[in-house]
C-alpha atoms as a PDB file:
ATOM      1  CA  MET A   1     -79.458 109.101  47.660  1.00  0.00           C
ATOM      2  CA  ASN A   2     -76.818 107.603  48.433  1.00  0.00           C
ATOM      3  CA  ALA A   3     -73.566 108.053  46.076  1.00  0.00           C
ATOM      4  CA  PRO A   4     -72.755 105.025  44.696  1.00  0.00           C
ATOM      5  CA  THR A   5     -69.033 103.679  44.905  1.00  0.00           C
ATOM      6  CA  THR A   6     -69.204 102.054  41.634  1.00  0.00           C
ATOM      7  CA  THR A   7     -70.488 102.502  38.689  1.00  0.00           C
ATOM      8  CA  HIS A   8     -71.206 100.660  35.046  1.00  0.00           C
ATOM      9  CA  ALA A   9     -69.106 102.053  32.384  1.00  0.00           C
ATOM     10  CA  ILE A  10     -68.073 100.809  28.911  1.00  0.00           C
ATOM     11  CA  ALA A  11     -64.132 100.942  28.466  1.00  0.00           C
ATOM     12  CA  SER A  12     -61.236 100.034  25.840  1.00  0.00           C
ATOM     13  CA  LEU A  13     -59.870  97.084  26.933  1.00  0.00           C
ATOM     14  CA  ARG A  14     -56.746  97.804  24.903  1.00  0.00           C
ATOM     15  CA  PRO A  15     -55.860  99.973  22.350  1.00  0.00           C
ATOM     16  CA  GLY A  16     -56.988  99.229  18.641  1.00  0.00           C
ATOM     17  CA  PRO A  17     -59.918  99.523  15.842  1.00  0.00           C
ATOM     18  CA  ALA A  18     -63.461 100.516  16.622  1.00  0.00           C
ATOM     19  CA  ASP A  19     -64.250  97.099  14.994  1.00  0.00           C
ATOM     20  CA  ALA A  20     -62.395  95.590  17.226  1.00  0.00           C
ATOM     21  CA  ALA A  21     -64.245  93.505  20.200  1.00  0.00           C
ATOM     22  CA  ASP A  22     -61.853  94.175  23.098  1.00  0.00           C
ATOM     23  CA  SER A  23     -62.089  98.527  22.106  1.00  0.00           C
ATOM     24  CA  PHE A  24     -65.940  98.199  23.777  1.00  0.00           C
ATOM     25  CA  VAL A  25     -66.929  96.501  26.477  1.00  0.00           C
ATOM     26  CA  GLU A  26     -69.412  96.728  29.514  1.00  0.00           C
ATOM     27  CA  VAL A  27     -67.368  96.591  32.926  1.00  0.00           C
ATOM     28  CA  GLU A  28     -68.295  97.825  37.069  1.00  0.00           C
ATOM     29  CA  VAL A  29     -65.370  99.497  38.472  1.00  0.00           C
ATOM     30  CA  PRO A  30     -65.162 101.656  41.462  1.00  0.00           C
ATOM     31  CA  ILE A  31     -65.473 105.411  41.455  1.00  0.00           C
ATOM     32  CA  GLY A  32     -63.036 106.173  43.574  1.00  0.00           C
ATOM     33  CA  ASP A  33     -62.926 108.169  46.283  1.00  0.00           C
ATOM     34  CA  ILE A  34     -64.481 112.047  45.457  1.00  0.00           C
ATOM     35  CA  ARG A  35     -61.498 114.949  45.722  1.00  0.00           C
ATOM     36  CA  PRO A  36     -62.336 118.566  48.041  1.00  0.00           C
ATOM     37  CA  HIS A  37     -63.359 119.974  44.763  1.00  0.00           C
ATOM     38  CA  ASP A  38     -65.511 116.901  42.825  1.00  0.00           C
ATOM     39  CA  LEU A  39     -68.184 116.956  41.992  1.00  0.00           C
ATOM     40  CA  LEU A  40     -69.679 113.235  41.126  1.00  0.00           C
ATOM     41  CA  VAL A  41     -71.816 113.117  38.065  1.00  0.00           C
ATOM     42  CA  GLU A  42     -74.793 111.338  36.826  1.00  0.00           C
ATOM     43  CA  VAL A  43     -74.094 111.044  33.169  1.00  0.00           C
ATOM     44  CA  ARG A  44     -77.487 111.402  31.100  1.00  0.00           C
ATOM     45  CA  ALA A  45     -75.507 112.343  28.013  1.00  0.00           C
ATOM     46  CA  VAL A  46     -72.021 111.929  26.030  1.00  0.00           C
ATOM     47  CA  SER A  47     -70.529 113.193  22.470  1.00  0.00           C
ATOM     48  CA  VAL A  48     -68.010 111.595  20.301  1.00  0.00           C
ATOM     49  CA  ASN A  49     -65.212 114.148  19.400  1.00  0.00           C
ATOM     50  CA  PRO A  50     -61.742 113.398  17.470  1.00  0.00           C
ATOM     51  CA  VAL A  51     -59.756 112.400  20.682  1.00  0.00           C
ATOM     52  CA  ASP A  52     -61.930 109.611  21.937  1.00  0.00           C
ATOM     53  CA  HIS A  53     -60.714 108.034  18.551  1.00  0.00           C
ATOM     54  CA  LYS A  54     -57.240 109.301  19.088  1.00  0.00           C
ATOM     55  CA  VAL A  55     -56.955 108.062  22.645  1.00  0.00           C
ATOM     56  CA  ARG A  56     -59.060 104.276  21.818  1.00  0.00           C
ATOM     57  CA  SER A  57     -55.987 103.807  19.215  1.00  0.00           C
ATOM     58  CA  SER A  58     -52.810 104.529  21.534  1.00  0.00           C
ATOM     59  CA  PHE A  59     -53.379 104.614  25.340  1.00  0.00           C
ATOM     60  CA  ASP A  60     -51.136 102.282  27.713  1.00  0.00           C
ATOM     61  CA  ALA A  61     -52.850  99.095  27.501  1.00  0.00           C
ATOM     62  CA  ALA A  62     -51.371  98.952  31.376  1.00  0.00           C
ATOM     63  CA  ASP A  63     -54.497 101.603  32.360  1.00  0.00           C
ATOM     64  CA  SER A  64     -57.075  99.030  30.673  1.00  0.00           C
ATOM     65  CA  PRO A  65     -59.623  99.511  31.480  1.00  0.00           C
ATOM     66  CA  LYS A  66     -59.586 102.328  30.277  1.00  0.00           C
ATOM     67  CA  ILE A  67     -63.158 104.481  29.744  1.00  0.00           C
ATOM     68  CA  LEU A  68     -63.028 106.867  27.600  1.00  0.00           C
ATOM     69  CA  GLY A  69     -65.134 110.157  26.883  1.00  0.00           C
ATOM     70  CA  PHE A  70     -64.534 113.628  27.852  1.00  0.00           C
ATOM     71  CA  ASP A  71     -67.928 115.743  26.559  1.00  0.00           C
ATOM     72  CA  ALA A  72     -70.531 114.625  29.136  1.00  0.00           C
ATOM     73  CA  ALA A  73     -73.834 116.621  30.793  1.00  0.00           C
ATOM     74  CA  GLY A  74     -75.803 115.256  33.496  1.00  0.00           C
ATOM     75  CA  THR A  75     -77.070 115.798  37.360  1.00  0.00           C
ATOM     76  CA  VAL A  76     -74.341 116.105  40.646  1.00  0.00           C
ATOM     77  CA  VAL A  77     -75.589 113.735  42.691  1.00  0.00           C
ATOM     78  CA  ALA A  78     -72.742 114.011  45.637  1.00  0.00           C
ATOM     79  CA  VAL A  79     -69.782 116.695  46.174  1.00  0.00           C
ATOM     80  CA  GLY A  80     -66.527 117.577  47.534  1.00  0.00           C
ATOM     81  CA  ASP A  81     -66.192 118.761  51.194  1.00  0.00           C
ATOM     82  CA  SER A  82     -64.665 122.091  49.091  1.00  0.00           C
ATOM     83  CA  VAL A  83     -67.428 122.581  46.537  1.00  0.00           C
ATOM     84  CA  SER A  84     -68.804 125.795  46.430  1.00  0.00           C
ATOM     85  CA  ARG A  85     -70.446 126.137  42.611  1.00  0.00           C
ATOM     86  CA  PHE A  86     -72.938 123.555  42.307  1.00  0.00           C
ATOM     87  CA  ALA A  87     -75.074 121.163  44.591  1.00  0.00           C
ATOM     88  CA  VAL A  88     -76.761 118.016  44.598  1.00  0.00           C
ATOM     89  CA  GLY A  89     -79.327 117.933  41.757  1.00  0.00           C
ATOM     90  CA  ASP A  90     -77.623 120.336  39.940  1.00  0.00           C
ATOM     91  CA  ASP A  91     -77.625 120.058  36.153  1.00  0.00           C
ATOM     92  CA  VAL A  92     -74.156 119.981  34.898  1.00  0.00           C
ATOM     93  CA  PHE A  93     -71.393 119.976  31.424  1.00  0.00           C
ATOM     94  CA  TYR A  94     -68.300 119.916  31.214  1.00  0.00           C
ATOM     95  CA  ALA A  95     -65.398 118.443  28.784  1.00  0.00           C
ATOM     96  CA  GLY A  96     -63.122 116.474  31.512  1.00  0.00           C
ATOM     97  CA  VAL A  97     -59.893 116.147  31.611  1.00  0.00           C
ATOM     98  CA  ILE A  98     -57.332 113.028  30.193  1.00  0.00           C
ATOM     99  CA  ASN A  99     -55.122 112.111  32.796  1.00  0.00           C
ATOM    100  CA  ARG A 100     -59.354 111.056  34.973  1.00  0.00           C
ATOM    101  CA  SER A 101     -61.676 108.115  33.544  1.00  0.00           C
ATOM    102  CA  GLY A 102     -63.631 109.533  31.014  1.00  0.00           C
ATOM    103  CA  SER A 103     -67.154 110.125  30.441  1.00  0.00           C
ATOM    104  CA  ASN A 104     -69.064 106.950  29.321  1.00  0.00           C
ATOM    105  CA  ALA A 105     -69.971 105.436  32.567  1.00  0.00           C
ATOM    106  CA  ALA A 106     -72.890 106.048  34.936  1.00  0.00           C
ATOM    107  CA  PHE A 107     -71.320 107.956  37.567  1.00  0.00           C
ATOM    108  CA  GLN A 108     -67.981 110.245  36.795  1.00  0.00           C
ATOM    109  CA  LEU A 109     -66.162 111.814  38.742  1.00  0.00           C
ATOM    110  CA  VAL A 110     -64.741 115.263  37.557  1.00  0.00           C
ATOM    111  CA  ASP A 111     -63.236 118.965  39.332  1.00  0.00           C
ATOM    112  CA  GLU A 112     -65.502 121.802  39.619  1.00  0.00           C
ATOM    113  CA  HIS A 113     -63.060 123.714  38.435  1.00  0.00           C
ATOM    114  CA  ILE A 114     -64.085 123.002  34.733  1.00  0.00           C
ATOM    115  CA  VAL A 115     -67.634 122.150  35.114  1.00  0.00           C
ATOM    116  CA  ALA A 116     -70.435 124.718  34.366  1.00  0.00           C
ATOM    117  CA  ALA A 117     -74.323 125.168  35.226  1.00  0.00           C
ATOM    118  CA  LYS A 118     -76.239 123.308  31.730  1.00  0.00           C
ATOM    119  CA  PRO A 119     -77.747 125.684  29.508  1.00  0.00           C
ATOM    120  CA  THR A 120     -81.535 125.951  30.427  1.00  0.00           C
ATOM    121  CA  SER A 121     -82.763 125.276  27.172  1.00  0.00           C
ATOM    122  CA  LEU A 122     -81.440 122.576  25.723  1.00  0.00           C
ATOM    123  CA  SER A 123     -81.772 118.737  26.632  1.00  0.00           C
ATOM    124  CA  PHE A 124     -78.847 116.972  28.216  1.00  0.00           C
ATOM    125  CA  GLY A 125     -77.930 115.219  24.405  1.00  0.00           C
ATOM    126  CA  ASP A 126     -77.581 118.883  23.217  1.00  0.00           C
ATOM    127  CA  ALA A 127     -75.690 120.129  25.754  1.00  0.00           C
ATOM    128  CA  ALA A 128     -73.231 117.422  26.117  1.00  0.00           C
ATOM    129  CA  ALA A 129     -72.230 118.123  22.061  1.00  0.00           C
ATOM    130  CA  LEU A 130     -70.527 121.978  23.245  1.00  0.00           C
ATOM    131  CA  PRO A 131     -68.353 121.655  25.841  1.00  0.00           C
ATOM    132  CA  LEU A 132     -65.174 120.413  24.310  1.00  0.00           C
ATOM    133  CA  THR A 133     -65.275 122.138  21.295  1.00  0.00           C
ATOM    134  CA  GLY A 134     -66.880 125.429  22.296  1.00  0.00           C
ATOM    135  CA  ILE A 135     -64.118 125.005  24.939  1.00  0.00           C
ATOM    136  CA  THR A 136     -61.618 124.863  22.328  1.00  0.00           C
ATOM    137  CA  ALA A 137     -62.988 127.516  20.012  1.00  0.00           C
ATOM    138  CA  TRP A 138     -63.060 130.141  22.184  1.00  0.00           C
ATOM    139  CA  GLU A 139     -59.605 129.609  23.845  1.00  0.00           C
ATOM    140  CA  THR A 140     -58.819 129.799  19.809  1.00  0.00           C
ATOM    141  CA  LEU A 141     -60.425 132.676  19.592  1.00  0.00           C
ATOM    142  CA  PHE A 142     -59.672 135.298  22.640  1.00  0.00           C
ATOM    143  CA  GLU A 143     -57.215 133.692  24.688  1.00  0.00           C
ATOM    144  CA  ARG A 144     -54.973 132.290  20.959  1.00  0.00           C
ATOM    145  CA  LEU A 145     -55.463 134.955  18.885  1.00  0.00           C
ATOM    146  CA  ARG A 146     -56.893 137.159  21.966  1.00  0.00           C
ATOM    147  CA  LEU A 147     -59.519 138.900  19.157  1.00  0.00           C
ATOM    148  CA  THR A 148     -62.304 141.289  20.667  1.00  0.00           C
ATOM    149  CA  ALA A 149     -65.727 142.705  20.963  1.00  0.00           C
ATOM    150  CA  ASP A 150     -63.743 145.598  18.088  1.00  0.00           C
ATOM    151  CA  SER A 151     -61.980 142.665  16.552  1.00  0.00           C
ATOM    152  CA  ASP A 152     -62.205 142.759  12.623  1.00  0.00           C
ATOM    153  CA  GLY A 153     -60.061 141.173   9.999  1.00  0.00           C
ATOM    154  CA  VAL A 154     -60.912 137.989   7.761  1.00  0.00           C
ATOM    155  CA  LEU A 155     -60.872 134.608   9.682  1.00  0.00           C
ATOM    156  CA  LEU A 156     -60.240 131.560   7.775  1.00  0.00           C
ATOM    157  CA  VAL A 157     -61.731 128.213   9.689  1.00  0.00           C
ATOM    158  CA  VAL A 158     -60.605 124.657   8.006  1.00  0.00           C
ATOM    159  CA  GLY A 159     -63.120 122.138   8.533  1.00  0.00           C
ATOM    160  CA  GLY A 160     -66.096 124.544   8.776  1.00  0.00           C
ATOM    161  CA  ALA A 161     -68.402 121.677   9.661  1.00  0.00           C
ATOM    162  CA  GLY A 162     -66.479 119.939  12.084  1.00  0.00           C
ATOM    163  CA  GLY A 163     -67.204 120.063  15.676  1.00  0.00           C
ATOM    164  CA  VAL A 164     -64.823 122.756  16.772  1.00  0.00           C
ATOM    165  CA  GLY A 165     -65.511 124.612  13.182  1.00  0.00           C
ATOM    166  CA  SER A 166     -69.006 124.971  14.163  1.00  0.00           C
ATOM    167  CA  MET A 167     -68.316 126.390  17.443  1.00  0.00           C
ATOM    168  CA  ILE A 168     -65.745 129.086  15.923  1.00  0.00           C
ATOM    169  CA  ILE A 169     -67.690 129.967  12.890  1.00  0.00           C
ATOM    170  CA  GLN A 170     -70.925 131.075  15.857  1.00  0.00           C
ATOM    171  CA  LEU A 171     -68.512 132.570  18.583  1.00  0.00           C
ATOM    172  CA  ALA A 172     -66.001 134.683  15.749  1.00  0.00           C
ATOM    173  CA  ARG A 173     -69.857 136.226  14.358  1.00  0.00           C
ATOM    174  CA  ALA A 174     -71.539 136.135  17.937  1.00  0.00           C
ATOM    175  CA  LEU A 175     -68.889 138.177  19.480  1.00  0.00           C
ATOM    176  CA  THR A 176     -66.648 139.549  17.127  1.00  0.00           C
ATOM    177  CA  SER A 177     -66.505 141.608  13.511  1.00  0.00           C
ATOM    178  CA  VAL A 178     -64.605 139.646  11.914  1.00  0.00           C
ATOM    179  CA  THR A 179     -65.109 138.171   8.127  1.00  0.00           C
ATOM    180  CA  VAL A 180     -65.545 134.135   8.474  1.00  0.00           C
ATOM    181  CA  ILE A 181     -64.484 132.207   5.946  1.00  0.00           C
ATOM    182  CA  ALA A 182     -65.049 128.133   6.447  1.00  0.00           C
ATOM    183  CA  THR A 183     -63.911 125.349   4.259  1.00  0.00           C
ATOM    184  CA  ALA A 184     -66.132 122.923   3.089  1.00  0.00           C
ATOM    185  CA  SER A 185     -66.457 120.283  -0.002  1.00  0.00           C
ATOM    186  CA  ARG A 186     -70.078 118.270   0.060  1.00  0.00           C
ATOM    187  CA  PRO A 187     -73.136 120.827  -0.111  1.00  0.00           C
ATOM    188  CA  GLU A 188     -74.172 119.261   3.590  1.00  0.00           C
ATOM    189  CA  SER A 189     -71.196 120.799   5.159  1.00  0.00           C
ATOM    190  CA  SER A 190     -71.790 123.915   3.034  1.00  0.00           C
ATOM    191  CA  GLN A 191     -74.963 124.321   3.809  1.00  0.00           C
ATOM    192  CA  TRP A 192     -74.352 123.981   7.640  1.00  0.00           C
ATOM    193  CA  ALA A 193     -71.344 126.053   7.657  1.00  0.00           C
ATOM    194  CA  THR A 194     -73.555 128.724   6.085  1.00  0.00           C
ATOM    195  CA  ASP A 195     -76.371 128.392   8.729  1.00  0.00           C
ATOM    196  CA  LEU A 196     -74.106 128.863  11.268  1.00  0.00           C
ATOM    197  CA  GLY A 197     -72.963 132.124  10.126  1.00  0.00           C
ATOM    198  CA  ALA A 198     -69.657 131.415   7.846  1.00  0.00           C
ATOM    199  CA  HIS A 199     -69.805 134.648   4.999  1.00  0.00           C
ATOM    200  CA  HIS A 200     -67.928 132.782   2.857  1.00  0.00           C
ATOM    201  CA  ILE A 201     -67.284 128.757   1.862  1.00  0.00           C
ATOM    202  CA  VAL A 202     -64.460 127.075  -0.334  1.00  0.00           C
ATOM    203  CA  ASP A 203     -63.035 123.930  -1.129  1.00  0.00           C
ATOM    204  CA  PRO A 204     -59.985 122.890   1.347  1.00  0.00           C
ATOM    205  CA  LYS A 205     -58.676 121.861  -1.985  1.00  0.00           C
ATOM    206  CA  GLU A 206     -58.747 125.156  -3.465  1.00  0.00           C
ATOM    207  CA  LEU A 207     -57.323 127.202  -0.589  1.00  0.00           C
ATOM    208  CA  GLY A 208     -54.332 128.693  -3.000  1.00  0.00           C
ATOM    209  CA  THR A 209     -56.819 130.380  -5.708  1.00  0.00           C
ATOM    210  CA  ALA A 210     -60.388 130.608  -3.483  1.00  0.00           C
ATOM    211  CA  VAL A 211     -59.352 132.714  -0.534  1.00  0.00           C
ATOM    212  CA  PRO A 212     -57.659 135.080  -2.488  1.00  0.00           C
ATOM    213  CA  ALA A 213     -60.340 136.145  -4.374  1.00  0.00           C
ATOM    214  CA  ILE A 214     -61.777 136.612  -1.381  1.00  0.00           C
ATOM    215  CA  ALA A 215     -58.855 138.477   0.772  1.00  0.00           C
ATOM    216  CA  PRO A 216     -56.415 139.492  -1.491  1.00  0.00           C
ATOM    217  CA  ASP A 217     -54.769 141.424   0.998  1.00  0.00           C
ATOM    218  CA  GLY A 218     -54.021 137.736   2.678  1.00  0.00           C
ATOM    219  CA  VAL A 219     -56.379 136.265   5.814  1.00  0.00           C
ATOM    220  CA  ASP A 220     -55.293 137.459   9.400  1.00  0.00           C
ATOM    221  CA  HIS A 221     -55.727 134.283  11.160  1.00  0.00           C
ATOM    222  CA  ILE A 222     -56.849 130.957  10.413  1.00  0.00           C
ATOM    223  CA  PHE A 223     -58.078 127.930  12.222  1.00  0.00           C
ATOM    224  CA  SER A 224     -56.339 124.655  11.494  1.00  0.00           C
ATOM    225  CA  PRO A 225     -57.490 120.842  12.190  1.00  0.00           C
ATOM    226  CA  TYR A 226     -55.755 119.667   9.615  1.00  0.00           C
ATOM    227  CA  SER A 227     -51.921 121.338   9.274  1.00  0.00           C
ATOM    228  CA  ALA A 228     -50.236 118.278   7.576  1.00  0.00           C
ATOM    229  CA  GLY A 229     -49.001 119.923   3.692  1.00  0.00           C
ATOM    230  CA  ASN A 230     -50.770 122.939   4.346  1.00  0.00           C
ATOM    231  CA  VAL A 231     -48.793 124.941   5.704  1.00  0.00           C
ATOM    232  CA  GLU A 232     -46.899 126.881   2.870  1.00  0.00           C
ATOM    233  CA  THR A 233     -50.241 127.171   1.683  1.00  0.00           C
ATOM    234  CA  TYR A 234     -51.465 129.109   5.169  1.00  0.00           C
ATOM    235  CA  ALA A 235     -48.001 131.404   4.785  1.00  0.00           C
ATOM    236  CA  GLU A 236     -49.137 132.184   1.076  1.00  0.00           C
ATOM    237  CA  ILE A 237     -52.711 133.555   1.486  1.00  0.00           C
ATOM    238  CA  LEU A 238     -52.441 134.908   5.423  1.00  0.00           C
ATOM    239  CA  GLY A 239     -51.061 138.318   5.287  1.00  0.00           C
ATOM    240  CA  VAL A 240     -48.250 139.905   7.197  1.00  0.00           C
ATOM    241  CA  GLY A 241     -48.109 139.253  10.828  1.00  0.00           C
ATOM    242  CA  GLY A 242     -51.149 136.326  10.489  1.00  0.00           C
ATOM    243  CA  ALA A 243     -51.594 133.721  12.505  1.00  0.00           C
ATOM    244  CA  VAL A 244     -52.944 130.215  12.647  1.00  0.00           C
ATOM    245  CA  VAL A 245     -54.029 128.070  15.577  1.00  0.00           C
ATOM    246  CA  ALA A 246     -53.371 124.673  14.707  1.00  0.00           C
ATOM    247  CA  ILE A 247     -55.155 121.492  17.011  1.00  0.00           C
ATOM    248  CA  ASP A 248     -53.634 118.498  15.477  1.00  0.00           C
ATOM    249  CA  GLU A 249     -50.336 117.195  16.022  1.00  0.00           C
ATOM    250  CA  PRO A 250     -48.518 116.241  12.334  1.00  0.00           C
ATOM    251  CA  GLU A 251     -45.397 115.207  12.881  1.00  0.00           C
ATOM    252  CA  GLY A 252     -42.610 116.432  10.973  1.00  0.00           C
ATOM    253  CA  LEU A 253     -44.184 119.846  10.757  1.00  0.00           C
ATOM    254  CA  ASP A 254     -42.009 122.923   9.040  1.00  0.00           C
ATOM    255  CA  LEU A 255     -42.775 125.890  10.367  1.00  0.00           C
ATOM    256  CA  LEU A 256     -40.461 128.031   8.081  1.00  0.00           C
ATOM    257  CA  PRO A 257     -42.365 128.962   5.656  1.00  0.00           C
ATOM    258  CA  LEU A 258     -44.094 131.234   7.987  1.00  0.00           C
ATOM    259  CA  LYS A 259     -40.597 133.545   8.545  1.00  0.00           C
ATOM    260  CA  SER A 260     -40.866 135.652   5.699  1.00  0.00           C
ATOM    261  CA  LYS A 261     -44.050 137.352   6.314  1.00  0.00           C
ATOM    262  CA  SER A 262     -43.655 137.062  10.325  1.00  0.00           C
ATOM    263  CA  GLN A 263     -46.359 135.141  10.534  1.00  0.00           C
ATOM    264  CA  THR A 264     -46.950 133.162  14.061  1.00  0.00           C
ATOM    265  CA  TRP A 265     -48.050 129.370  14.534  1.00  0.00           C
ATOM    266  CA  HIS A 266     -49.962 128.630  18.230  1.00  0.00           C
ATOM    267  CA  TRP A 267     -50.958 125.579  19.577  1.00  0.00           C
ATOM    268  CA  GLU A 268     -54.342 124.957  21.404  1.00  0.00           C
ATOM    269  CA  LEU A 269     -54.739 122.156  23.539  1.00  0.00           C
ATOM    270  CA  MET A 270     -57.966 122.242  25.741  1.00  0.00           C
ATOM    271  CA  PHE A 271     -56.445 120.200  28.382  1.00  0.00           C
ATOM    272  CA  SER A 272     -53.476 122.662  28.746  1.00  0.00           C
ATOM    273  CA  ARG A 273     -55.149 124.355  31.764  1.00  0.00           C
ATOM    274  CA  PRO A 274     -56.945 121.540  33.989  1.00  0.00           C
ATOM    275  CA  LEU A 275     -53.854 119.161  33.694  1.00  0.00           C
ATOM    276  CA  TYR A 276     -51.128 122.363  34.684  1.00  0.00           C
ATOM    277  CA  THR A 277     -53.572 124.766  36.511  1.00  0.00           C
ATOM    278  CA  PRO A 278     -55.661 122.050  37.853  1.00  0.00           C
ATOM    279  CA  THR A 279     -57.458 125.208  40.508  1.00  0.00           C
ATOM    280  CA  ASP A 280     -57.834 127.590  37.194  1.00  0.00           C
ATOM    281  CA  ASP A 281     -61.508 127.847  36.967  1.00  0.00           C
ATOM    282  CA  SER A 282     -61.524 129.717  32.865  1.00  0.00           C
ATOM    283  CA  GLN A 283     -62.795 126.870  31.834  1.00  0.00           C
ATOM    284  CA  HIS A 284     -66.366 126.896  34.144  1.00  0.00           C
ATOM    285  CA  ARG A 285     -66.243 130.883  33.279  1.00  0.00           C
ATOM    286  CA  LEU A 286     -66.246 130.256  29.759  1.00  0.00           C
ATOM    287  CA  LEU A 287     -68.322 127.135  29.875  1.00  0.00           C
ATOM    288  CA  THR A 288     -70.682 129.737  31.703  1.00  0.00           C
ATOM    289  CA  GLU A 289     -71.066 132.572  29.145  1.00  0.00           C
ATOM    290  CA  ILE A 290     -71.060 129.252  26.578  1.00  0.00           C
ATOM    291  CA  ALA A 291     -74.395 128.312  27.958  1.00  0.00           C
ATOM    292  CA  ARG A 292     -75.804 131.834  28.170  1.00  0.00           C
ATOM    293  CA  LEU A 293     -75.258 132.186  24.576  1.00  0.00           C
ATOM    294  CA  VAL A 294     -77.228 129.556  24.551  1.00  0.00           C
ATOM    295  CA  ASP A 295     -80.204 130.434  25.952  1.00  0.00           C
ATOM    296  CA  ALA A 296     -80.345 133.935  24.519  1.00  0.00           C
ATOM    297  CA  GLY A 297     -80.774 132.492  21.372  1.00  0.00           C
ATOM    298  CA  THR A 298     -77.591 133.889  20.327  1.00  0.00           C
ATOM    299  CA  ILE A 299     -75.891 130.811  19.291  1.00  0.00           C
ATOM    300  CA  ARG A 300     -77.168 127.056  18.971  1.00  0.00           C
ATOM    301  CA  SER A 301     -75.979 123.194  19.928  1.00  0.00           C
ATOM    302  CA  THR A 302     -73.939 121.826  17.088  1.00  0.00           C
ATOM    303  CA  ALA A 303     -75.811 118.308  17.927  1.00  0.00           C
ATOM    304  CA  THR A 304     -77.161 116.475  14.614  1.00  0.00           C
ATOM    305  CA  THR A 305     -77.011 112.985  15.323  1.00  0.00           C
ATOM    306  CA  THR A 306     -78.429 111.332  18.430  1.00  0.00           C
ATOM    307  CA  LEU A 307     -78.036 107.709  19.173  1.00  0.00           C
ATOM    308  CA  SER A 308     -79.254 106.022  22.474  1.00  0.00           C
ATOM    309  CA  PRO A 309     -78.211 104.122  24.761  1.00  0.00           C
ATOM    310  CA  ILE A 310     -74.598 104.765  26.184  1.00  0.00           C
ATOM    311  CA  GLY A 311     -73.798 100.942  25.110  1.00  0.00           C
ATOM    312  CA  VAL A 312     -71.757  99.146  23.214  1.00  0.00           C
ATOM    313  CA  GLU A 313     -72.564  98.995  20.096  1.00  0.00           C
ATOM    314  CA  THR A 314     -73.974 102.421  19.686  1.00  0.00           C
ATOM    315  CA  LEU A 315     -70.562 104.222  20.785  1.00  0.00           C
ATOM    316  CA  ARG A 316     -69.193 101.813  18.436  1.00  0.00           C
ATOM    317  CA  GLU A 317     -71.069 103.037  15.879  1.00  0.00           C
ATOM    318  CA  ALA A 318     -70.740 106.701  16.807  1.00  0.00           C
ATOM    319  CA  HIS A 319     -66.973 105.896  16.580  1.00  0.00           C
ATOM    320  CA  THR A 320     -67.173 104.651  13.349  1.00  0.00           C
ATOM    321  CA  ARG A 321     -68.948 107.281  12.071  1.00  0.00           C
ATOM    322  CA  SER A 322     -66.737 109.793  13.301  1.00  0.00           C
ATOM    323  CA  GLU A 323     -63.775 108.372  11.900  1.00  0.00           C
ATOM    324  CA  SER A 324     -65.466 108.402   8.889  1.00  0.00           C
ATOM    325  CA  GLY A 325     -64.635 112.662   8.378  1.00  0.00           C
ATOM    326  CA  THR A 326     -67.894 112.855   6.868  1.00  0.00           C
ATOM    327  CA  VAL A 327     -69.708 113.873  10.064  1.00  0.00           C
ATOM    328  CA  VAL A 328     -71.209 117.130   9.932  1.00  0.00           C
ATOM    329  CA  GLY A 329     -71.420 118.704  13.795  1.00  0.00           C
ATOM    330  CA  LYS A 330     -71.281 115.787  16.230  1.00  0.00           C
ATOM    331  CA  ILE A 331     -72.639 112.614  17.303  1.00  0.00           C
ATOM    332  CA  VAL A 332     -74.672 112.632  20.919  1.00  0.00           C
ATOM    333  CA  ILE A 333     -75.055 110.013  22.742  1.00  0.00           C
ATOM    334  CA  VAL A 334     -78.346 109.752  25.842  1.00  0.00           C
ATOM    335  CA  ALA A 335     -78.494 107.634  28.124  1.00  0.00           C
ATOM    336  CA  GLU A 336     -82.102 105.425  28.591  1.00  0.00           C
END
């Protein structure tokens, strides 16, 4: 097929809540020039992450129409002159970047350095659930915390049934020897985290008592998507030299409670490398490894809800459900 020059997409015209009329509209927009390392992908499925809500509600109106979406799985239909990893016809999956047009479109340009071949054992929808959370989980465990196959100790995963938490539990169990404690507050989320491999489940409202009962000498590592109001508790339940990796950005965060036991605080933003070192192919490599683990049956997709098509009302529904904070795993949306 000849590469298209425009694409149908679902965009936001101005920042606002999910139920606003201008938050999701159909548009036809130019695709733009294919850069030397770009792939033009026919998008077959996407998923929704908290960053999608954040961008939708706070983007600069001057960037309208804003095509949202990060996670995607699809098929390569054209390649840039310098592409070496992929060819037309390849099925791929990726998490995108925050400074290019999003995945809620029929066709999307994405740099090959952050793309991997789709797991062959998964549908496009199940594959689309994995990239952003998989990259975040991998970088948290193996880059921020520097865990290895020989690492033991205790890891607390706050939000164990969430998208990133689900991947951290699986990767920690598959590739390290740490004991995993996950937080969950409902029977369905507790069961989900247990099924993924968590050794222990605790209520997030009882961290100060429940975690020391399991790890009286303190946990070694904490993954934190909900840091506001928790720093003092983290300092109490972490051991000497323990570490927190956070992905949220609460205002006025005071980290001084961590000083007494020489604890450390790390930030994880999976967009950092694509933004600042765009020729770094580490995300290509780690997604390739995640695909291998999936195809080997070692880890699994975290898709739990599938909607269709990639349209105005399905995206509105997906955002609304995701923002409710009650979703277990991931919501994916597949093209017709």
